[in-house]
C-alpha atoms as a PDB file:
ATOM      1  CA  MET A   1     113.475 130.278  95.363  1.00  0.00           C
ATOM      2  CA  PHE A   2     114.084 126.826  96.780  1.00  0.00           C
ATOM      3  CA  PRO A   3     115.775 126.623 100.205  1.00  0.00           C
ATOM      4  CA  HIS A   4     119.489 125.980 100.289  1.00  0.00           C
ATOM      5  CA  SER A   5     121.171 123.369 102.442  1.00  0.00           C
ATOM      6  CA  ASP A   6     121.869 124.707 105.907  1.00  0.00           C
ATOM      7  CA  ASN A   7     125.563 123.883 105.983  1.00  0.00           C
ATOM      8  CA  GLY A   8     126.400 124.367 102.295  1.00  0.00           C
ATOM      9  CA  ARG A   9     127.068 120.661 101.587  1.00  0.00           C
ATOM     10  CA  TRP A  10     125.409 119.382  98.439  1.00  0.00           C
ATOM     11  CA  GLU A  11     124.673 116.127 100.245  1.00  0.00           C
ATOM     12  CA  GLU A  12     122.375 118.097 102.543  1.00  0.00           C
ATOM     13  CA  LEU A  13     120.204 119.520  99.773  1.00  0.00           C
ATOM     14  CA  PRO A  14     116.525 118.836 100.585  1.00  0.00           C
ATOM     15  CA  LEU A  15     115.808 117.055  97.311  1.00  0.00           C
ATOM     16  CA  ALA A  16     112.882 115.133  98.794  1.00  0.00           C
ATOM     17  CA  LEU A  17     111.221 118.399  99.808  1.00  0.00           C
ATOM     18  CA  TRP A  18     111.760 119.905  96.365  1.00  0.00           C
ATOM     19  CA  GLY A  19     110.452 116.701  94.824  1.00  0.00           C
ATOM     20  CA  ALA A  20     107.352 116.752  97.000  1.00  0.00           C
ATOM     21  CA  LEU A  21     106.641 120.334  95.915  1.00  0.00           C
ATOM     22  CA  LEU A  22     106.987 119.410  92.241  1.00  0.00           C
ATOM     23  CA  VAL A  23     104.764 116.349  92.600  1.00  0.00           C
ATOM     24  CA  THR A  24     102.158 118.434  94.441  1.00  0.00           C
ATOM     25  CA  ALA A  25     102.256 121.117  91.730  1.00  0.00           C
ATOM     26  CA  GLY A  26     101.902 118.491  88.993  1.00  0.00           C
ATOM     27  CA  LEU A  27      98.990 116.770  90.699  1.00  0.00           C
ATOM     28  CA  ALA A  28      97.270 120.110  91.301  1.00  0.00           C
ATOM     29  CA  GLY A  29      97.667 120.966  87.634  1.00  0.00           C
ATOM     30  CA  ASP A  30      96.367 117.552  86.619  1.00  0.00           C
ATOM     31  CA  ALA A  31      93.306 118.019  88.841  1.00  0.00           C
ATOM     32  CA  ALA A  32      92.673 121.440  87.297  1.00  0.00           C
ATOM     33  CA  VAL A  33      92.879 119.935  83.800  1.00  0.00           C
ATOM     34  CA  SER A  34      90.360 117.248  84.791  1.00  0.00           C
ATOM     35  CA  ILE A  35      87.944 119.871  86.098  1.00  0.00           C
ATOM     36  CA  LEU A  36      88.322 121.924  82.918  1.00  0.00           C
ATOM     37  CA  GLY A  37      87.671 118.765  80.916  1.00  0.00           C
ATOM     38  CA  LEU A  38      84.330 118.351  82.667  1.00  0.00           C
ATOM     39  CA  VAL A  39      83.519 122.002  81.984  1.00  0.00           C
ATOM     40  CA  ARG A  40      84.383 121.531  78.278  1.00  0.00           C
ATOM     41  CA  PHE A  41      82.128 118.495  78.099  1.00  0.00           C
ATOM     42  CA  ALA A  42      79.264 120.261  79.887  1.00  0.00           C
ATOM     43  CA  LEU A  43      79.493 123.336  77.650  1.00  0.00           C
ATOM     44  CA  SER A  44      80.161 121.358  74.448  1.00  0.00           C
ATOM     45  CA  LEU A  45      83.248 123.426  73.652  1.00  0.00           C
ATOM     46  CA  PRO A  46      85.040 122.922  70.328  1.00  0.00           C
ATOM     47  CA  GLU A  47      87.525 120.078  69.621  1.00  0.00           C
ATOM     48  CA  GLU A  48      90.423 122.527  69.914  1.00  0.00           C
ATOM     49  CA  TRP A  49      89.734 122.732  73.645  1.00  0.00           C
ATOM     50  CA  ARG A  50      90.059 118.975  74.016  1.00  0.00           C
ATOM     51  CA  GLN A  51      93.413 118.951  72.255  1.00  0.00           C
ATOM     52  CA  LEU A  52      94.602 121.842  74.423  1.00  0.00           C
ATOM     53  CA  LEU A  53      93.597 120.034  77.610  1.00  0.00           C
ATOM     54  CA  ILE A  54      95.338 116.840  76.480  1.00  0.00           C
ATOM     55  CA  LEU A  55      98.534 118.826  75.906  1.00  0.00           C
ATOM     56  CA  ALA A  56      98.196 120.547  79.304  1.00  0.00           C
ATOM     57  CA  GLY A  57      97.698 117.177  81.006  1.00  0.00           C
ATOM     58  CA  TRP A  58     100.844 115.858  79.349  1.00  0.00           C
ATOM     59  CA  TYR A  59     102.869 118.821  80.581  1.00  0.00           C
ATOM     60  CA  CYS A  60     101.507 118.315  84.113  1.00  0.00           C
ATOM     61  CA  GLY A  61     103.233 114.949  84.112  1.00  0.00           C
ATOM     62  CA  ILE A  62     106.675 116.553  83.761  1.00  0.00           C
ATOM     63  CA  PRO A  63     106.902 118.011  87.301  1.00  0.00           C
ATOM     64  CA  ILE A  64     105.457 114.770  88.686  1.00  0.00           C
ATOM     65  CA  VAL A  65     108.162 112.666  87.044  1.00  0.00           C
ATOM     66  CA  CYS A  66     110.919 115.141  87.964  1.00  0.00           C
ATOM     67  CA  GLY A  67     109.659 115.307  91.543  1.00  0.00           C
ATOM     68  CA  LEU A  68     109.616 111.529  91.897  1.00  0.00           C
ATOM     69  CA  LEU A  69     113.185 111.366  90.557  1.00  0.00           C
ATOM     70  CA  LEU A  70     114.314 113.930  93.141  1.00  0.00           C
ATOM     71  CA  ILE A  71     112.597 112.020  95.963  1.00  0.00           C
ATOM     72  CA  LEU A  72     114.142 108.712  94.879  1.00  0.00           C
ATOM     73  CA  THR A  73     117.563 110.340  94.541  1.00  0.00           C
ATOM     74  CA  ASP A  74     117.331 111.721  98.059  1.00  0.00           C
ATOM     75  CA  LEU A  75     116.095 108.438  99.540  1.00  0.00           C
ATOM     76  CA  PHE A  76     118.530 106.076  97.865  1.00  0.00           C
ATOM     77  CA  CYS A  77     121.580 108.242  97.137  1.00  0.00           C
ATOM     78  CA  LEU A  78     121.782 111.051  99.701  1.00  0.00           C
ATOM     79  CA  LEU A  79     119.931 109.692 102.732  1.00  0.00           C
ATOM     80  CA  PRO A  80     122.686 107.217 103.764  1.00  0.00           C
ATOM     81  CA  GLY A  81     125.152 110.118 103.859  1.00  0.00           C
ATOM     82  CA  LYS A  82     122.706 112.386 105.673  1.00  0.00           C
ATOM     83  CA  ARG A  83     122.311 109.798 108.399  1.00  0.00           C
ATOM     84  CA  GLN A  84     126.080 109.825 108.861  1.00  0.00           C
ATOM     85  CA  THR A  85     126.281 113.627 108.965  1.00  0.00           C
ATOM     86  CA  ALA A  86     128.070 114.828 112.071  1.00  0.00           C
ATOM     87  CA  ARG A  87     125.642 116.182 114.650  1.00  0.00           C
ATOM     88  CA  ARG A  88     126.194 117.475 118.107  1.00  0.00           C
ATOM     89  CA  GLN A  89     127.398 114.895 120.559  1.00  0.00           C
ATOM     90  CA  ALA A  90     124.756 112.792 122.241  1.00  0.00           C
ATOM     91  CA  PRO A  91     123.225 114.639 125.212  1.00  0.00           C
ATOM     92  CA  GLY A  92     124.784 113.890 128.561  1.00  0.00           C
ATOM     93  CA  PRO A  93     122.994 112.062 131.362  1.00  0.00           C
ATOM     94  CA  VAL A  94     120.355 113.845 133.365  1.00  0.00           C
ATOM     95  CA  THR A  95     121.643 114.466 136.866  1.00  0.00           C
ATOM     96  CA  ALA A  96     118.631 116.473 138.059  1.00  0.00           C
ATOM     97  CA  ASP A  97     115.025 116.838 137.057  1.00  0.00           C
ATOM     98  CA  ALA A  98     114.338 120.430 138.144  1.00  0.00           C
ATOM     99  CA  VAL A  99     112.265 122.258 135.534  1.00  0.00           C
ATOM    100  CA  THR A 100     111.587 125.940 134.934  1.00  0.00           C
ATOM    101  CA  VAL A 101     108.201 126.394 133.269  1.00  0.00           C
ATOM    102  CA  VAL A 102     107.493 129.369 130.986  1.00  0.00           C
ATOM    103  CA  LEU A 103     103.922 130.110 129.908  1.00  0.00           C
ATOM    104  CA  THR A 104     102.789 132.409 127.118  1.00  0.00           C
ATOM    105  CA  ALA A 105      99.588 134.332 127.818  1.00  0.00           C
ATOM    106  CA  TYR A 106      97.318 136.793 126.058  1.00  0.00           C
ATOM    107  CA  ASN A 107      94.098 137.819 127.773  1.00  0.00           C
ATOM    108  CA  ASP A 108      94.099 134.515 129.689  1.00  0.00           C
ATOM    109  CA  GLU A 109      92.657 135.782 132.969  1.00  0.00           C
ATOM    110  CA  GLU A 110      90.183 132.879 133.043  1.00  0.00           C
ATOM    111  CA  SER A 111      92.808 130.154 132.790  1.00  0.00           C
ATOM    112  CA  ILE A 112      96.208 131.437 133.865  1.00  0.00           C
ATOM    113  CA  GLY A 113      95.702 130.991 137.611  1.00  0.00           C
ATOM    114  CA  ALA A 114      94.678 127.345 137.303  1.00  0.00           C
ATOM    115  CA  SER A 115      97.501 126.700 134.848  1.00  0.00           C
ATOM    116  CA  VAL A 116     100.145 128.180 137.160  1.00  0.00           C
ATOM    117  CA  ARG A 117      98.855 126.190 140.139  1.00  0.00           C
ATOM    118  CA  ASP A 118      98.776 123.019 138.030  1.00  0.00           C
ATOM    119  CA  PHE A 119     102.439 123.316 137.085  1.00  0.00           C
ATOM    120  CA  LEU A 120     103.565 124.406 140.549  1.00  0.00           C
ATOM    121  CA  SER A 121     101.913 121.286 141.968  1.00  0.00           C
ATOM    122  CA  GLN A 122     104.473 119.094 140.215  1.00  0.00           C
ATOM    123  CA  PRO A 123     107.519 118.276 142.384  1.00  0.00           C
ATOM    124  CA  GLN A 124     109.906 118.708 139.442  1.00  0.00           C
ATOM    125  CA  VAL A 125     108.921 122.339 138.850  1.00  0.00           C
ATOM    126  CA  GLN A 126     111.212 124.967 140.406  1.00  0.00           C
ATOM    127  CA  ARG A 127     109.336 128.039 139.213  1.00  0.00           C
ATOM    128  CA  VAL A 128     106.689 129.190 136.761  1.00  0.00           C
ATOM    129  CA  ILE A 129     107.242 132.282 134.629  1.00  0.00           C
ATOM    130  CA  VAL A 130     104.301 133.864 132.816  1.00  0.00           C
ATOM    131  CA  VAL A 131     104.933 136.239 129.915  1.00  0.00           C
ATOM    132  CA  SER A 132     101.873 138.283 129.021  1.00  0.00           C
ATOM    133  CA  ASN A 133     101.827 139.737 125.514  1.00  0.00           C
ATOM    134  CA  ASN A 134     100.116 143.057 126.227  1.00  0.00           C
ATOM    135  CA  SER A 135      97.068 141.450 127.822  1.00  0.00           C
ATOM    136  CA  LYS A 136      94.175 143.847 128.327  1.00  0.00           C
ATOM    137  CA  ASP A 137      92.682 141.923 131.244  1.00  0.00           C
ATOM    138  CA  ARG A 138      94.086 140.874 134.655  1.00  0.00           C
ATOM    139  CA  THR A 139      96.323 138.074 133.334  1.00  0.00           C
ATOM    140  CA  LEU A 140      99.459 139.423 135.041  1.00  0.00           C
ATOM    141  CA  GLU A 141      97.799 140.006 138.400  1.00  0.00           C
ATOM    142  CA  VAL A 142      96.116 136.598 138.460  1.00  0.00           C
ATOM    143  CA  ALA A 143      99.383 134.863 137.489  1.00  0.00           C
ATOM    144  CA  GLN A 144     101.290 136.587 140.284  1.00  0.00           C
ATOM    145  CA  ALA A 145      98.585 135.768 142.816  1.00  0.00           C
ATOM    146  CA  ALA A 146      98.826 132.097 141.821  1.00  0.00           C
ATOM    147  CA  GLY A 147     102.577 132.072 142.515  1.00  0.00           C
ATOM    148  CA  ALA A 148     104.144 132.825 139.134  1.00  0.00           C
ATOM    149  CA  ILE A 149     106.852 135.281 138.173  1.00  0.00           C
ATOM    150  CA  ALA A 150     104.922 137.494 135.751  1.00  0.00           C
ATOM    151  CA  VAL A 151     106.323 139.912 133.150  1.00  0.00           C
ATOM    152  CA  ASN A 152     104.920 141.708 130.115  1.00  0.00           C
ATOM    153  CA  GLU A 153     106.332 141.535 126.578  1.00  0.00           C
ATOM    154  CA  SER A 154     105.519 144.787 124.784  1.00  0.00           C
ATOM    155  CA  ASN A 155     106.364 143.569 121.282  1.00  0.00           C
ATOM    156  CA  PRO A 156     103.107 142.159 119.864  1.00  0.00           C
ATOM    157  CA  GLY A 157     103.021 138.667 118.371  1.00  0.00           C
ATOM    158  CA  TYR A 158     103.520 135.069 119.359  1.00  0.00           C
ATOM    159  CA  GLY A 159     107.166 134.940 118.233  1.00  0.00           C
ATOM    160  CA  PRO A 160     108.323 137.838 120.411  1.00  0.00           C
ATOM    161  CA  CYS A 161     106.357 136.411 123.359  1.00  0.00           C
ATOM    162  CA  VAL A 162     107.981 132.971 123.120  1.00  0.00           C
ATOM    163  CA  TYR A 163     111.413 134.516 122.628  1.00  0.00           C
ATOM    164  CA  ARG A 164     110.929 136.582 125.783  1.00  0.00           C
ATOM    165  CA  CYS A 165     109.791 133.454 127.656  1.00  0.00           C
ATOM    166  CA  PHE A 166     113.071 131.746 126.868  1.00  0.00           C
ATOM    167  CA  LEU A 167     115.166 134.790 127.757  1.00  0.00           C
ATOM    168  CA  GLU A 168     113.423 135.123 131.103  1.00  0.00           C
ATOM    169  CA  ALA A 169     114.038 131.440 131.891  1.00  0.00           C
ATOM    170  CA  LEU A 170     117.728 131.732 131.022  1.00  0.00           C
ATOM    171  CA  ARG A 171     118.150 134.504 133.595  1.00  0.00           C
ATOM    172  CA  TYR A 172     118.119 131.789 136.285  1.00  0.00           C
ATOM    173  CA  PRO A 173     121.447 129.882 136.349  1.00  0.00           C
ATOM    174  CA  ASP A 174     119.794 126.805 137.865  1.00  0.00           C
ATOM    175  CA  ALA A 175     117.272 126.552 134.999  1.00  0.00           C
ATOM    176  CA  GLN A 176     118.874 123.564 133.291  1.00  0.00           C
ATOM    177  CA  PHE A 177     115.586 122.369 131.767  1.00  0.00           C
ATOM    178  CA  ILE A 178     113.090 124.849 130.356  1.00  0.00           C
ATOM    179  CA  LEU A 179     109.527 123.779 129.614  1.00  0.00           C
ATOM    180  CA  LEU A 180     107.525 125.985 127.235  1.00  0.00           C
ATOM    181  CA  CYS A 181     103.741 125.844 127.308  1.00  0.00           C
ATOM    182  CA  GLU A 182     100.615 127.995 127.041  1.00  0.00           C
ATOM    183  CA  GLY A 183      98.592 129.224 129.970  1.00  0.00           C
ATOM    184  CA  ASP A 184      95.203 128.174 128.592  1.00  0.00           C
ATOM    185  CA  MET A 185      94.971 124.723 130.235  1.00  0.00           C
ATOM    186  CA  THR A 186      95.119 122.861 126.899  1.00  0.00           C
ATOM    187  CA  PHE A 187      98.262 121.146 128.189  1.00  0.00           C
ATOM    188  CA  ARG A 188      98.722 119.827 131.713  1.00  0.00           C
ATOM    189  CA  ALA A 189     101.645 119.400 134.081  1.00  0.00           C
ATOM    190  CA  ALA A 190     100.959 115.663 134.417  1.00  0.00           C
ATOM    191  CA  ASP A 191     102.918 115.154 131.178  1.00  0.00           C
ATOM    192  CA  ILE A 192     106.159 116.508 132.673  1.00  0.00           C
ATOM    193  CA  PRO A 193     107.442 113.034 133.727  1.00  0.00           C
ATOM    194  CA  LYS A 194     107.012 111.904 130.116  1.00  0.00           C
ATOM    195  CA  PHE A 195     109.136 114.779 128.864  1.00  0.00           C
ATOM    196  CA  LEU A 196     111.812 113.995 131.447  1.00  0.00           C
ATOM    197  CA  SER A 197     111.891 110.360 130.335  1.00  0.00           C
ATOM    198  CA  TYR A 198     112.710 111.503 126.767  1.00  0.00           C
ATOM    199  CA  ILE A 199     115.212 114.284 127.549  1.00  0.00           C
ATOM    200  CA  PRO A 200     118.189 111.939 128.209  1.00  0.00           C
ATOM    201  CA  HIS A 201     118.047 111.115 124.496  1.00  0.00           C
ATOM    202  CA  ALA A 202     117.618 114.617 123.081  1.00  0.00           C
ATOM    203  CA  ASP A 203     118.348 118.326 123.342  1.00  0.00           C
ATOM    204  CA  VAL A 204     114.742 119.228 122.555  1.00  0.00           C
ATOM    205  CA  VAL A 205     111.614 117.176 123.273  1.00  0.00           C
ATOM    206  CA  ASN A 206     108.649 118.418 121.263  1.00  0.00           C
ATOM    207  CA  GLY A 207     105.175 117.423 122.348  1.00  0.00           C
ATOM    208  CA  THR A 208     102.868 116.006 119.696  1.00  0.00           C
ATOM    209  CA  ARG A 209      99.064 116.137 119.786  1.00  0.00           C
ATOM    210  CA  ILE A 210      98.758 113.790 116.809  1.00  0.00           C
ATOM    211  CA  VAL A 211      97.778 110.837 118.960  1.00  0.00           C
ATOM    212  CA  GLU A 212      94.044 110.336 118.695  1.00  0.00           C
ATOM    213  CA  GLN A 213      93.744 108.421 121.974  1.00  0.00           C
ATOM    214  CA  LEU A 214      95.248 111.325 123.964  1.00  0.00           C
ATOM    215  CA  ARG A 215      93.138 114.113 122.465  1.00  0.00           C
ATOM    216  CA  ASP A 216      89.880 115.254 123.984  1.00  0.00           C
ATOM    217  CA  PRO A 217      87.319 115.327 121.142  1.00  0.00           C
ATOM    218  CA  SER A 218      86.055 118.769 122.152  1.00  0.00           C
ATOM    219  CA  THR A 219      89.351 120.648 121.692  1.00  0.00           C
ATOM    220  CA  GLN A 220      89.972 123.290 119.027  1.00  0.00           C
ATOM    221  CA  LEU A 221      92.120 120.724 117.165  1.00  0.00           C
ATOM    222  CA  THR A 222      89.631 120.097 114.367  1.00  0.00           C
ATOM    223  CA  THR A 223      90.078 117.344 111.800  1.00  0.00           C
ATOM    224  CA  PHE A 224      91.430 119.950 109.364  1.00  0.00           C
ATOM    225  CA  VAL A 225      93.995 121.254 111.862  1.00  0.00           C
ATOM    226  CA  PHE A 226      94.868 117.710 113.018  1.00  0.00           C
ATOM    227  CA  TYR A 227      95.840 116.503 109.553  1.00  0.00           C
ATOM    228  CA  GLY A 228      97.191 119.882 108.509  1.00  0.00           C
ATOM    229  CA  ASN A 229      99.711 119.725 111.348  1.00  0.00           C
ATOM    230  CA  PHE A 230     100.595 116.194 110.316  1.00  0.00           C
ATOM    231  CA  PHE A 231     101.119 117.294 106.700  1.00  0.00           C
ATOM    232  CA  VAL A 232     103.405 120.194 107.618  1.00  0.00           C
ATOM    233  CA  GLY A 233     105.214 117.890 110.053  1.00  0.00           C
ATOM    234  CA  LYS A 234     106.022 115.604 107.140  1.00  0.00           C
ATOM    235  CA  LEU A 235     107.306 118.591 105.137  1.00  0.00           C
ATOM    236  CA  LEU A 236     109.602 119.402 108.075  1.00  0.00           C
ATOM    237  CA  GLU A 237     110.728 115.777 108.025  1.00  0.00           C
ATOM    238  CA  LEU A 238     111.493 115.970 104.288  1.00  0.00           C
ATOM    239  CA  ARG A 239     113.311 119.270 104.824  1.00  0.00           C
ATOM    240  CA  HIS A 240     115.613 117.511 107.299  1.00  0.00           C
ATOM    241  CA  LEU A 241     115.472 113.973 105.995  1.00  0.00           C
ATOM    242  CA  GLY A 242     117.231 111.463 108.206  1.00  0.00           C
ATOM    243  CA  ARG A 243     117.061 113.562 111.382  1.00  0.00           C
ATOM    244  CA  GLY A 244     113.861 112.238 112.880  1.00  0.00           C
ATOM    245  CA  THR A 245     110.149 111.587 112.526  1.00  0.00           C
ATOM    246  CA  PHE A 246     107.862 114.583 113.078  1.00  0.00           C
ATOM    247  CA  THR A 247     104.078 114.843 113.156  1.00  0.00           C
ATOM    248  CA  ASP A 248     103.113 118.117 114.871  1.00  0.00           C
ATOM    249  CA  VAL A 249     104.629 121.528 114.156  1.00  0.00           C
ATOM    250  CA  GLY A 250     101.974 123.621 115.895  1.00  0.00           C
ATOM    251  CA  THR A 251     102.223 122.443 119.487  1.00  0.00           C
ATOM    252  CA  THR A 252     103.685 124.856 122.017  1.00  0.00           C
ATOM    253  CA  TYR A 253     104.517 122.187 124.607  1.00  0.00           C
ATOM    254  CA  LYS A 254     108.242 121.404 124.564  1.00  0.00           C
ATOM    255  CA  LEU A 255     111.173 120.756 126.915  1.00  0.00           C
ATOM    256  CA  LEU A 256     114.673 122.050 126.174  1.00  0.00           C
ATOM    257  CA  ARG A 257     118.131 121.749 127.648  1.00  0.00           C
ATOM    258  CA  ARG A 258     119.614 125.090 128.696  1.00  0.00           C
ATOM    259  CA  ASP A 259     122.794 124.932 126.567  1.00  0.00           C
ATOM    260  CA  SER A 260     120.840 123.842 123.523  1.00  0.00           C
ATOM    261  CA  LEU A 261     118.310 126.641 123.942  1.00  0.00           C
ATOM    262  CA  LYS A 262     121.047 129.279 124.102  1.00  0.00           C
ATOM    263  CA  ARG A 263     122.449 128.027 120.787  1.00  0.00           C
ATOM    264  CA  ILE A 264     119.027 127.940 119.155  1.00  0.00           C
ATOM    265  CA  LEU A 265     118.098 131.477 120.220  1.00  0.00           C
ATOM    266  CA  GLU A 266     121.073 132.761 118.247  1.00  0.00           C
ATOM    267  CA  VAL A 267     119.498 131.568 114.980  1.00  0.00           C
ATOM    268  CA  VAL A 268     115.727 131.940 115.450  1.00  0.00           C
ATOM    269  CA  ASN A 269     113.846 134.997 114.254  1.00  0.00           C
ATOM    270  CA  PRO A 270     111.409 136.442 116.838  1.00  0.00           C
ATOM    271  CA  ARG A 271     109.703 138.404 114.059  1.00  0.00           C
ATOM    272  CA  VAL A 272     107.945 135.224 112.901  1.00  0.00           C
ATOM    273  CA  ASN A 273     104.477 135.341 114.453  1.00  0.00           C
ATOM    274  CA  LEU A 274     101.937 132.497 114.596  1.00  0.00           C
ATOM    275  CA  GLU A 275     104.208 130.316 112.436  1.00  0.00           C
ATOM    276  CA  PHE A 276     106.923 130.550 115.100  1.00  0.00           C
ATOM    277  CA  ASN A 277     106.677 126.957 116.348  1.00  0.00           C
ATOM    278  CA  ALA A 278     107.379 125.522 112.896  1.00  0.00           C
ATOM    279  CA  HIS A 279     110.182 128.049 112.424  1.00  0.00           C
ATOM    280  CA  PHE A 280     111.668 127.122 115.799  1.00  0.00           C
ATOM    281  CA  LEU A 281     111.672 123.380 115.025  1.00  0.00           C
ATOM    282  CA  ASP A 282     113.211 124.049 111.614  1.00  0.00           C
ATOM    283  CA  ARG A 283     116.054 126.006 113.226  1.00  0.00           C
ATOM    284  CA  VAL A 284     116.520 123.316 115.888  1.00  0.00           C
ATOM    285  CA  LEU A 285     117.138 120.671 113.238  1.00  0.00           C
ATOM    286  CA  ALA A 286     119.208 122.964 111.026  1.00  0.00           C
ATOM    287  CA  SER A 287     121.495 123.671 114.007  1.00  0.00           C
ATOM    288  CA  GLY A 288     122.247 119.987 114.489  1.00  0.00           C
ATOM    289  CA  GLU A 289     120.374 119.681 117.778  1.00  0.00           C
ATOM    290  CA  ARG A 290     118.825 116.314 118.568  1.00  0.00           C
ATOM    291  CA  MET A 291     115.046 116.448 118.733  1.00  0.00           C
ATOM    292  CA  VAL A 292     112.458 113.773 119.493  1.00  0.00           C
ATOM    293  CA  GLU A 293     108.681 113.873 119.813  1.00  0.00           C
ATOM    294  CA  CYS A 294     106.729 112.984 122.927  1.00  0.00           C
ATOM    295  CA  PRO A 295     102.980 112.230 122.813  1.00  0.00           C
ATOM    296  CA  VAL A 296     101.069 114.576 125.114  1.00  0.00           C
ATOM    297  CA  THR A 297      97.477 114.874 126.246  1.00  0.00           C
ATOM    298  CA  PHE A 298      95.413 117.698 124.766  1.00  0.00           C
ATOM    299  CA  HIS A 299      92.480 119.241 126.612  1.00  0.00           C
ATOM    300  CA  PRO A 300      89.763 121.787 125.795  1.00  0.00           C
ATOM    301  CA  ARG A 301      90.852 125.386 126.069  1.00  0.00           C
ATOM    302  CA  VAL A 302      89.700 127.530 128.978  1.00  0.00           C
ATOM    303  CA  GLY A 303      88.688 130.874 127.517  1.00  0.00           C
ATOM    304  CA  GLN A 304      88.692 132.065 123.930  1.00  0.00           C
ATOM    305  CA  SER A 305      91.331 131.008 121.397  1.00  0.00           C
ATOM    306  CA  LYS A 306      93.374 133.792 119.802  1.00  0.00           C
ATOM    307  CA  GLY A 307      95.775 131.825 117.600  1.00  0.00           C
ATOM    308  CA  ALA A 308      95.381 129.375 114.745  1.00  0.00           C
ATOM    309  CA  GLY A 309      92.591 127.592 116.624  1.00  0.00           C
ATOM    310  CA  VAL A 310      90.130 130.448 116.089  1.00  0.00           C
ATOM    311  CA  ASN A 311      88.688 128.699 113.011  1.00  0.00           C
ATOM    312  CA  ASN A 312      89.770 126.572 110.061  1.00  0.00           C
ATOM    313  CA  LEU A 313      90.304 129.626 107.843  1.00  0.00           C
ATOM    314  CA  ARG A 314      92.738 131.127 110.353  1.00  0.00           C
ATOM    315  CA  ALA A 315      94.421 127.731 110.670  1.00  0.00           C
ATOM    316  CA  LEU A 316      94.749 127.516 106.868  1.00  0.00           C
ATOM    317  CA  LYS A 317      96.423 130.918 106.761  1.00  0.00           C
ATOM    318  CA  VAL A 318      98.915 129.949 109.466  1.00  0.00           C
ATOM    319  CA  GLY A 319      99.537 126.562 107.833  1.00  0.00           C
ATOM    320  CA  LEU A 320     100.256 128.183 104.469  1.00  0.00           C
ATOM    321  CA  GLY A 321     102.677 130.525 106.227  1.00  0.00           C
ATOM    322  CA  MET A 322     104.470 127.528 107.737  1.00  0.00           C
ATOM    323  CA  ILE A 323     104.700 125.845 104.325  1.00  0.00           C
ATOM    324  CA  ILE A 324     106.058 129.026 102.710  1.00  0.00           C
ATOM    325  CA  GLY A 325     108.608 129.433 105.485  1.00  0.00           C
ATOM    326  CA  LEU A 326     109.800 125.822 105.324  1.00  0.00           C
ATOM    327  CA  CYS A 327     109.975 125.728 101.536  1.00  0.00           C
ATOM    328  CA  PHE A 328     111.048 129.217 100.522  1.00  0.00           C
ATOM    329  CA  GLY A 329     112.467 130.986 103.577  1.00  0.00           C
ATOM    330  CA  TRP A 330     111.157 132.449 106.843  1.00  0.00           C
ATOM    331  CA  SER A 331     111.870 136.016 105.807  1.00  0.00           C
ATOM    332  CA  LEU A 332     108.729 135.786 103.660  1.00  0.00           C
ATOM    333  CA  VAL A 333     106.462 135.404 106.706  1.00  0.00           C
ATOM    334  CA  GLN A 334     108.184 137.598 109.284  1.00  0.00           C
ATOM    335  CA  GLY A 335     106.382 140.503 110.860  1.00  0.00           C
ATOM    336  CA  PRO A 336     107.561 144.015 111.761  1.00  0.00           C
ATOM    337  CA  ALA A 337     110.833 144.630 113.530  1.00  0.00           C
ATOM    338  CA  VAL A 338     110.973 143.847 117.241  1.00  0.00           C
ATOM    339  CA  THR A 339     113.370 144.497 120.084  1.00  0.00           C
ATOM    340  CA  ALA A 340     114.886 141.048 120.413  1.00  0.00           C
ATOM    341  CA  ARG A 341     116.448 141.703 123.844  1.00  0.00           C
ATOM    342  CA  ARG A 342     119.545 139.724 122.892  1.00  0.00           C
ATOM    343  CA  GLU A 343     121.443 141.488 125.660  1.00  0.00           C
ATOM    344  CA  LEU A 344     119.564 139.284 128.117  1.00  0.00           C
ATOM    345  CA  LEU A 345     120.759 136.236 126.204  1.00  0.00           C
ATOM    346  CA  LYS A 346     124.376 137.384 126.517  1.00  0.00           C
ATOM    347  CA  GLN A 347     123.967 137.953 130.255  1.00  0.00           C
ATOM    348  CA  SER A 348     122.632 134.420 130.751  1.00  0.00           C
END
């Protein structure tokens, strides 16, 4: 089933996204027909096969034409209205630059201490909170020794861990800006001033690693993952056409305003696992929050990767999950039930 518009208005239908899916399906079918044509030629199959392949190729053109019509309709008929769609009021001025940092961690004993000290060294950082997702090593102890507030999230999975990070940050009334990151040293605190320079213009500032000049060549961001993130970022952009330009849906590095985060947590699903970042950005845009991207530096990981960066096959699986969620609904990629701890959200 195709996704519906988030607010029920027909003007908000993601026709460009639907069109892109149809064009992709048509091109994939056309490529398959071409390959079968080579097989027919190599095996000297009867003439009936040639006629069948010609007919199949003709039918592959139908979704391509329909998809292009949907894309053009969205661009030239609906996009002007989408750009005028009422969003939340422009964010207010920034009167303080105090940041609460929340770090996800899973068996990050090697890196978490250095990461905590790195963020605490920045004058804008009030506190660092580390949420360990059932780590089997000394992640919690090392984080506490480095000066962090360390807690454990018992629900397994990246989604529950990030959700708990945000809830823990919201427990502090003075946490007006919450910075989410990982504790593996892939991202550094030196980028915080960049985030703060963007936040006056947005509710959410999402870091993007899709800047070749800022990426260390030895990171786990392979060429496949690099362009895969870019591709899914463009699908997100088509899903919410007119609401921004997006290039990286897999980065964990992002800065959020407190009030915006509380609204977003009401609509995100912590049961989504490794696809959670794409799900989170999708819900941000669907809620009418203003989001911009900020280029960030990306460094080699300290320790062993446990997420999509394990290998290209794992990255492909996560990327396909993101595409399914964006195009057909996030309920198709959610994991087992979790204790969402929404009572903490109400208290904050």
